[in-house]
Amino acid sequence: MDGDYNDNTEKIKGSDRWGGAAEKTEEEVKSLEDYFKEQYSMTIKEAVLGK
């Protein structure tokens, strides 16, 4: 949403910023999952499900 609450998703996709953001987010999620597994010997999903 822009400052006037208009959806600007297509504008962002058109400017090629979408792919970079998605790629960076994917890397950050993997890093967080790896850290969690190393620290707690379980995945985040296992912790949430109480396994």
PDB file of N, CA and C in Angstrom:
ATOM      1  N   MET A   1       0.838  -1.171   0.000  1.00  0.00           N
ATOM      2  CA  MET A   1       0.000   0.000   0.000  1.00  0.00           C
ATOM      3  C   MET A   1       0.888   1.241   0.000  1.00  0.00           C
ATOM      4  N   ASP A   2       0.463   2.214  -0.763  1.00  0.00           N
ATOM      5  CA  ASP A   2       1.190   3.474  -0.739  1.00  0.00           C
ATOM      6  C   ASP A   2       0.583   4.370   0.341  1.00  0.00           C
ATOM      7  N   GLY A   3       1.052   5.581   0.417  1.00  0.00           N
ATOM      8  CA  GLY A   3       0.588   6.504   1.443  1.00  0.00           C
ATOM      9  C   GLY A   3      -0.888   6.828   1.366  1.00  0.00           C
ATOM     10  N   ASP A   4      -1.492   6.628   0.194  1.00  0.00           N
ATOM     11  CA  ASP A   4      -2.922   6.878   0.019  1.00  0.00           C
ATOM     12  C   ASP A   4      -3.740   5.589   0.089  1.00  0.00           C
ATOM     13  N   TYR A   5      -3.126   4.514   0.580  1.00  0.00           N
ATOM     14  CA  TYR A   5      -3.769   3.203   0.738  1.00  0.00           C
ATOM     15  C   TYR A   5      -4.164   2.554  -0.582  1.00  0.00           C
ATOM     16  N   ASN A   6      -3.407   2.844  -1.626  1.00  0.00           N
ATOM     17  CA  ASN A   6      -3.628   2.202  -2.916  1.00  0.00           C
ATOM     18  C   ASN A   6      -2.674   1.018  -3.034  1.00  0.00           C
ATOM     19  N   ASP A   7      -3.168  -0.071  -3.574  1.00  0.00           N
ATOM     20  CA  ASP A   7      -2.346  -1.267  -3.772  1.00  0.00           C
ATOM     21  C   ASP A   7      -1.302  -0.972  -4.844  1.00  0.00           C
ATOM     22  N   ASN A   8      -0.032  -1.121  -4.497  1.00  0.00           N
ATOM     23  CA  ASN A   8       1.025  -0.859  -5.462  1.00  0.00           C
ATOM     24  C   ASN A   8       1.845  -2.111  -5.770  1.00  0.00           C
ATOM     25  N   THR A   9       1.251  -3.283  -5.599  1.00  0.00           N
ATOM     26  CA  THR A   9       1.933  -4.547  -5.843  1.00  0.00           C
ATOM     27  C   THR A   9       2.434  -4.646  -7.276  1.00  0.00           C
ATOM     28  N   GLU A  10       1.582  -4.343  -8.236  1.00  0.00           N
ATOM     29  CA  GLU A  10       1.985  -4.457  -9.643  1.00  0.00           C
ATOM     30  C   GLU A  10       3.106  -3.472  -9.983  1.00  0.00           C
ATOM     31  N   LYS A  11       3.056  -2.303  -9.400  1.00  0.00           N
ATOM     32  CA  LYS A  11       4.102  -1.307  -9.639  1.00  0.00           C
ATOM     33  C   LYS A  11       5.440  -1.835  -9.121  1.00  0.00           C
ATOM     34  N   ILE A  12       5.453  -2.441  -7.962  1.00  0.00           N
ATOM     35  CA  ILE A  12       6.681  -2.989  -7.390  1.00  0.00           C
ATOM     36  C   ILE A  12       7.181  -4.158  -8.232  1.00  0.00           C
ATOM     37  N   LYS A  13       6.267  -5.040  -8.636  1.00  0.00           N
ATOM     38  CA  LYS A  13       6.659  -6.160  -9.488  1.00  0.00           C
ATOM     39  C   LYS A  13       7.244  -5.659 -10.797  1.00  0.00           C
ATOM     40  N   GLY A  14       6.667  -4.622 -11.353  1.00  0.00           N
ATOM     41  CA  GLY A  14       7.130  -4.069 -12.618  1.00  0.00           C
ATOM     42  C   GLY A  14       8.497  -3.424 -12.521  1.00  0.00           C
ATOM     43  N   SER A  15       8.847  -2.953 -11.343  1.00  0.00           N
ATOM     44  CA  SER A  15      10.147  -2.305 -11.179  1.00  0.00           C
ATOM     45  C   SER A  15      11.229  -3.305 -10.785  1.00  0.00           C
ATOM     46  N   ASP A  16      10.889  -4.588 -10.766  1.00  0.00           N
ATOM     47  CA  ASP A  16      11.812  -5.685 -10.471  1.00  0.00           C
ATOM     48  C   ASP A  16      12.350  -5.663  -9.047  1.00  0.00           C
ATOM     49  N   ARG A  17      11.627  -5.049  -8.130  1.00  0.00           N
ATOM     50  CA  ARG A  17      12.035  -5.083  -6.724  1.00  0.00           C
ATOM     51  C   ARG A  17      11.431  -6.282  -6.012  1.00  0.00           C
ATOM     52  N   TRP A  18      10.384  -6.841  -6.580  1.00  0.00           N
ATOM     53  CA  TRP A  18       9.665  -7.949  -5.949  1.00  0.00           C
ATOM     54  C   TRP A  18      10.557  -9.186  -5.821  1.00  0.00           C
ATOM     55  N   GLY A  19      11.214  -9.574  -6.913  1.00  0.00           N
ATOM     56  CA  GLY A  19      12.035 -10.780  -6.918  1.00  0.00           C
ATOM     57  C   GLY A  19      13.175 -10.701  -5.931  1.00  0.00           C
ATOM     58  N   GLY A  20      13.829  -9.569  -5.844  1.00  0.00           N
ATOM     59  CA  GLY A  20      14.934  -9.411  -4.898  1.00  0.00           C
ATOM     60  C   GLY A  20      14.470  -9.524  -3.462  1.00  0.00           C
ATOM     61  N   ALA A  21      13.332  -8.937  -3.166  1.00  0.00           N
ATOM     62  CA  ALA A  21      12.796  -9.004  -1.814  1.00  0.00           C
ATOM     63  C   ALA A  21      12.404 -10.437  -1.465  1.00  0.00           C
ATOM     64  N   ALA A  22      11.796 -11.134  -2.408  1.00  0.00           N
ATOM     65  CA  ALA A  22      11.389 -12.518  -2.158  1.00  0.00           C
ATOM     66  C   ALA A  22      12.614 -13.403  -1.936  1.00  0.00           C
ATOM     67  N   GLU A  23      13.650 -13.185  -2.724  1.00  0.00           N
ATOM     68  CA  GLU A  23      14.876 -13.970  -2.587  1.00  0.00           C
ATOM     69  C   GLU A  23      15.540 -13.704  -1.237  1.00  0.00           C
ATOM     70  N   LYS A  24      15.611 -12.455  -0.830  1.00  0.00           N
ATOM     71  CA  LYS A  24      16.229 -12.102   0.449  1.00  0.00           C
ATOM     72  C   LYS A  24      15.434 -12.704   1.608  1.00  0.00           C
ATOM     73  N   THR A  25      14.120 -12.650   1.519  1.00  0.00           N
ATOM     74  CA  THR A  25      13.278 -13.215   2.564  1.00  0.00           C
ATOM     75  C   THR A  25      13.502 -14.719   2.670  1.00  0.00           C
ATOM     76  N   GLU A  26      13.600 -15.397   1.540  1.00  0.00           N
ATOM     77  CA  GLU A  26      13.840 -16.840   1.527  1.00  0.00           C
ATOM     78  C   GLU A  26      15.166 -17.172   2.225  1.00  0.00           C
ATOM     79  N   GLU A  27      16.203 -16.393   1.954  1.00  0.00           N
ATOM     80  CA  GLU A  27      17.501 -16.608   2.590  1.00  0.00           C
ATOM     81  C   GLU A  27      17.413 -16.370   4.099  1.00  0.00           C
ATOM     82  N   GLU A  28      16.687 -15.350   4.515  1.00  0.00           N
ATOM     83  CA  GLU A  28      16.556 -15.040   5.931  1.00  0.00           C
ATOM     84  C   GLU A  28      15.778 -16.127   6.663  1.00  0.00           C
ATOM     85  N   VAL A  29      14.740 -16.654   6.042  1.00  0.00           N
ATOM     86  CA  VAL A  29      13.949 -17.723   6.654  1.00  0.00           C
ATOM     87  C   VAL A  29      14.817 -18.970   6.838  1.00  0.00           C
ATOM     88  N   LYS A  30      15.601 -19.327   5.819  1.00  0.00           N
ATOM     89  CA  LYS A  30      16.471 -20.491   5.923  1.00  0.00           C
ATOM     90  C   LYS A  30      17.492 -20.303   7.039  1.00  0.00           C
ATOM     91  N   SER A  31      18.066 -19.125   7.121  1.00  0.00           N
ATOM     92  CA  SER A  31      19.045 -18.834   8.165  1.00  0.00           C
ATOM     93  C   SER A  31      18.422 -18.965   9.554  1.00  0.00           C
ATOM     94  N   LEU A  32      17.220 -18.435   9.717  1.00  0.00           N
ATOM     95  CA  LEU A  32      16.518 -18.525  10.998  1.00  0.00           C
ATOM     96  C   LEU A  32      16.187 -19.973  11.339  1.00  0.00           C
ATOM     97  N   GLU A  33      15.719 -20.730  10.357  1.00  0.00           N
ATOM     98  CA  GLU A  33      15.405 -22.145  10.598  1.00  0.00           C
ATOM     99  C   GLU A  33      16.645 -22.925  10.996  1.00  0.00           C
ATOM    100  N   ASP A  34      17.779 -22.676  10.316  1.00  0.00           N
ATOM    101  CA  ASP A  34      19.029 -23.360  10.644  1.00  0.00           C
ATOM    102  C   ASP A  34      19.479 -23.015  12.060  1.00  0.00           C
ATOM    103  N   TYR A  35      19.412 -21.738  12.415  1.00  0.00           N
ATOM    104  CA  TYR A  35      19.796 -21.298  13.756  1.00  0.00           C
ATOM    105  C   TYR A  35      18.917 -21.960  14.819  1.00  0.00           C
ATOM    106  N   PHE A  36      17.611 -21.958  14.604  1.00  0.00           N
ATOM    107  CA  PHE A  36      16.680 -22.532  15.570  1.00  0.00           C
ATOM    108  C   PHE A  36      16.961 -24.016  15.774  1.00  0.00           C
ATOM    109  N   LYS A  37      17.192 -24.732  14.662  1.00  0.00           N
ATOM    110  CA  LYS A  37      17.450 -26.160  14.752  1.00  0.00           C
ATOM    111  C   LYS A  37      18.752 -26.430  15.510  1.00  0.00           C
ATOM    112  N   GLU A  38      19.764 -25.610  15.263  1.00  0.00           N
ATOM    113  CA  GLU A  38      21.048 -25.784  15.944  1.00  0.00           C
ATOM    114  C   GLU A  38      20.919 -25.493  17.436  1.00  0.00           C
ATOM    115  N   GLN A  39      20.191 -24.456  17.789  1.00  0.00           N
ATOM    116  CA  GLN A  39      20.058 -24.048  19.186  1.00  0.00           C
ATOM    117  C   GLN A  39      19.131 -24.959  19.996  1.00  0.00           C
ATOM    118  N   TYR A  40      18.057 -25.444  19.382  1.00  0.00           N
ATOM    119  CA  TYR A  40      17.026 -26.149  20.128  1.00  0.00           C
ATOM    120  C   TYR A  40      16.826 -27.602  19.711  1.00  0.00           C
ATOM    121  N   SER A  41      17.627 -28.067  18.774  1.00  0.00           N
ATOM    122  CA  SER A  41      17.564 -29.463  18.306  1.00  0.00           C
ATOM    123  C   SER A  41      16.172 -29.868  17.807  1.00  0.00           C
ATOM    124  N   MET A  42      15.464 -28.911  17.245  1.00  0.00           N
ATOM    125  CA  MET A  42      14.172 -29.183  16.628  1.00  0.00           C
ATOM    126  C   MET A  42      13.878 -28.065  15.647  1.00  0.00           C
ATOM    127  N   THR A  43      12.971 -28.327  14.744  1.00  0.00           N
ATOM    128  CA  THR A  43      12.593 -27.284  13.797  1.00  0.00           C
ATOM    129  C   THR A  43      11.584 -26.344  14.451  1.00  0.00           C
ATOM    130  N   ILE A  44      11.378 -25.212  13.836  1.00  0.00           N
ATOM    131  CA  ILE A  44      10.381 -24.266  14.337  1.00  0.00           C
ATOM    132  C   ILE A  44       9.004 -24.919  14.286  1.00  0.00           C
ATOM    133  N   LYS A  45       8.734 -25.635  13.209  1.00  0.00           N
ATOM    134  CA  LYS A  45       7.434 -26.318  13.072  1.00  0.00           C
ATOM    135  C   LYS A  45       7.231 -27.332  14.190  1.00  0.00           C
ATOM    136  N   GLU A  46       8.261 -28.112  14.513  1.00  0.00           N
ATOM    137  CA  GLU A  46       8.153 -29.081  15.605  1.00  0.00           C
ATOM    138  C   GLU A  46       7.873 -28.378  16.929  1.00  0.00           C
ATOM    139  N   ALA A  47       8.512 -27.242  17.159  1.00  0.00           N
ATOM    140  CA  ALA A  47       8.292 -26.495  18.392  1.00  0.00           C
ATOM    141  C   ALA A  47       6.857 -25.976  18.469  1.00  0.00           C
ATOM    142  N   VAL A  48       6.361 -25.464  17.363  1.00  0.00           N
ATOM    143  CA  VAL A  48       4.996 -24.924  17.340  1.00  0.00           C
ATOM    144  C   VAL A  48       3.970 -26.039  17.554  1.00  0.00           C
ATOM    145  N   LEU A  49       4.237 -27.197  16.952  1.00  0.00           N
ATOM    146  CA  LEU A  49       3.309 -28.322  17.083  1.00  0.00           C
ATOM    147  C   LEU A  49       3.482 -29.093  18.389  1.00  0.00           C
ATOM    148  N   GLY A  50       4.508 -28.755  19.164  1.00  0.00           N
ATOM    149  CA  GLY A  50       4.745 -29.423  20.457  1.00  0.00           C
ATOM    150  C   GLY A  50       5.277 -30.819  20.305  1.00  0.00           C
ATOM    151  N   LYS A  51       6.067 -31.066  19.271  1.00  0.00           N
ATOM    152  CA  LYS A  51       6.619 -32.412  19.063  1.00  0.00           C
ATOM    153  C   LYS A  51       7.988 -32.537  19.666  1.00  0.00           C
TER     154      LYS A  51
END
